[in-house]
Protein backbone atom coordinates (compact mmCIF):
# COMPACT_ATOMS: atom_id res chain seq x y z
CA UNK A 1 0.00 -0.01 0.00
CA UNK A 2 1.39 3.43 -0.88
CA UNK A 3 2.23 5.87 1.90
CA UNK A 4 -0.35 8.49 2.85
CA UNK A 5 0.47 12.16 2.24
CA UNK A 6 -1.78 14.74 3.86
CA UNK A 7 -3.26 17.57 1.79
CA UNK A 8 -5.21 19.20 4.65
CA UNK A 9 -4.41 22.72 3.35
CA UNK A 10 -5.44 21.94 -0.26
CA UNK A 11 -8.32 19.48 -0.09
CA UNK A 12 -10.47 21.43 -2.62
CA UNK A 13 -7.55 21.68 -5.07
CA UNK A 14 -6.86 17.92 -4.88
CA UNK A 15 -10.55 17.08 -5.30
CA UNK A 16 -10.73 19.40 -8.32
CA UNK A 17 -7.41 17.99 -9.62
CA UNK A 18 -6.05 21.49 -10.13
CA UNK A 19 -3.02 20.85 -7.89
CA UNK A 20 -0.11 19.09 -9.60
CA UNK A 21 2.80 20.24 -7.45
CA UNK A 22 3.40 20.20 -3.69
CA UNK A 23 6.27 21.43 -1.56
CA UNK A 24 7.26 19.44 1.51
CA UNK A 25 9.83 19.86 4.25
CA UNK A 26 10.52 16.13 4.15
CA UNK A 27 9.66 13.18 1.92
CA UNK A 28 13.34 13.15 0.86
CA UNK A 29 13.21 9.46 -0.08
CA UNK A 30 10.46 10.01 -2.69
CA UNK A 31 11.45 9.42 -6.30
CA UNK A 32 9.99 9.58 -9.80
CA UNK A 33 7.55 6.71 -10.40
CA UNK A 34 6.54 6.35 -6.74
CA UNK A 35 2.82 6.20 -5.94
CA UNK A 36 1.38 8.04 -2.92
CA UNK A 37 -2.12 8.18 -1.50
CA UNK A 38 -3.45 11.72 -1.03
CA UNK A 39 -5.47 11.94 2.17
CA UNK A 40 -7.27 14.73 4.00
CA UNK A 41 -5.38 14.12 7.25
CA UNK A 42 -2.72 11.55 8.05
CA UNK A 43 -1.65 12.31 11.60
CA UNK A 44 -3.44 13.44 14.73
CA UNK A 45 -6.63 11.53 14.03
CA UNK A 46 -8.95 11.48 17.04
CA UNK A 47 -10.52 8.29 18.33
CA UNK A 48 -13.13 7.15 15.82
CA UNK A 49 -11.79 9.33 12.98
CA UNK A 50 -10.83 7.52 9.80
CA UNK A 51 -8.39 8.41 7.06
CA UNK A 52 -10.23 9.92 4.10
CA UNK A 53 -8.53 9.07 0.81
CA UNK A 54 -8.61 11.76 -1.87
CA UNK A 55 -6.83 9.90 -4.65
CA UNK A 56 -3.77 8.06 -5.80
CA UNK A 57 -0.92 10.17 -7.15
CA UNK A 58 1.96 9.17 -9.38
CA UNK A 59 5.20 11.10 -8.78
CA UNK A 60 6.53 12.68 -12.00
CA UNK A 61 9.57 14.50 -10.59
CA UNK A 62 11.22 15.42 -7.31
CA UNK A 63 13.82 18.07 -6.67
CA UNK A 64 15.20 20.07 -3.76
CA UNK A 65 15.04 23.82 -3.95
CA UNK A 66 14.70 26.85 -1.71
CA UNK A 67 11.14 27.76 -0.90
CA UNK A 68 11.69 31.27 -2.31
CA UNK A 69 12.56 29.78 -5.73
CA UNK A 70 8.85 29.27 -6.43
CA UNK A 71 7.59 30.74 -9.70
CA UNK A 72 4.22 32.16 -10.71
CA UNK A 73 3.60 28.99 -12.73
CA UNK A 74 4.25 26.86 -9.65
CA UNK A 75 1.80 28.93 -7.57
CA UNK A 76 -0.82 27.89 -10.14
CA UNK A 77 0.37 24.27 -10.09
CA UNK A 78 0.22 24.33 -6.27
CA UNK A 79 -3.48 25.19 -6.58
CA UNK A 80 -3.22 28.91 -5.75
CA UNK A 81 -3.69 30.71 -9.09
CA UNK A 82 -4.55 34.03 -7.41
CA UNK A 83 -1.41 34.15 -5.26
CA UNK A 84 1.91 35.72 -6.13
CA UNK A 85 5.06 33.83 -5.26
CA UNK A 86 5.60 36.26 -2.38
CA UNK A 87 2.12 35.57 -0.98
CA UNK A 88 2.59 31.81 -1.29
CA UNK A 89 5.99 31.96 0.45
CA UNK A 90 4.49 34.10 3.22
CA UNK A 91 1.62 31.64 3.73
CA UNK A 92 3.94 28.63 4.02
CA UNK A 93 6.42 30.42 6.25
CA UNK A 94 3.61 31.40 8.60
CA UNK A 95 2.12 27.88 8.56
CA UNK A 96 5.44 26.09 9.18
CA UNK A 97 7.31 28.81 11.06
CA UNK A 98 10.18 28.80 8.60
CA UNK A 99 12.33 31.18 6.60
CA UNK A 100 11.89 31.81 2.84
CA UNK A 101 15.31 30.32 2.03
CA UNK A 102 14.54 26.95 3.68
CA UNK A 103 15.16 23.95 1.43
CA UNK A 104 12.00 22.11 0.48
CA UNK A 105 11.15 19.12 -1.65
CA UNK A 106 9.26 20.13 -4.82
CA UNK A 107 7.11 17.17 -5.87
CA UNK A 108 5.31 17.12 -9.19
CA UNK A 109 2.58 14.49 -9.60
CA UNK A 110 -0.28 13.24 -11.73
CA UNK A 111 -3.59 11.68 -10.77
CA UNK A 112 -4.17 7.93 -11.07
CA UNK A 113 -7.73 6.61 -11.37
CA UNK A 114 -10.94 8.47 -10.59
CA UNK A 115 -12.98 6.50 -8.03
CA UNK A 116 -12.01 8.53 -4.96
CA UNK A 117 -12.61 10.01 -2.39
CA UNK A 118 -13.53 7.04 -0.24
CA UNK A 119 -13.04 6.05 3.39
CA UNK A 120 -11.09 2.97 4.31
CA UNK A 121 -10.54 1.11 7.54
């Protein structure tokens, strides 16, 4: 079974399939061709809560870069077409309490199948 990756901040974008890139401060072992399961929330589930799968993703490319290297095109691919790179960087730095020059993992992916979202045990 593929590993779960949380998309709690971008659930609508994943459901609409408008998000094709994500930046992570981790997932360093990920490589082209890997399959991951997009979920609403992967950690911190309360008793009785279940993982909600959003879809299966195929990794197209992975590269390390500074967060502040994001382009306008990548803001769109991240699912934020109305944000400038500066606004996107500010949002992530606030969310993760980090600096704009922090190294992140830029992950480009495609969607596999179309039967989701579903819940699983």
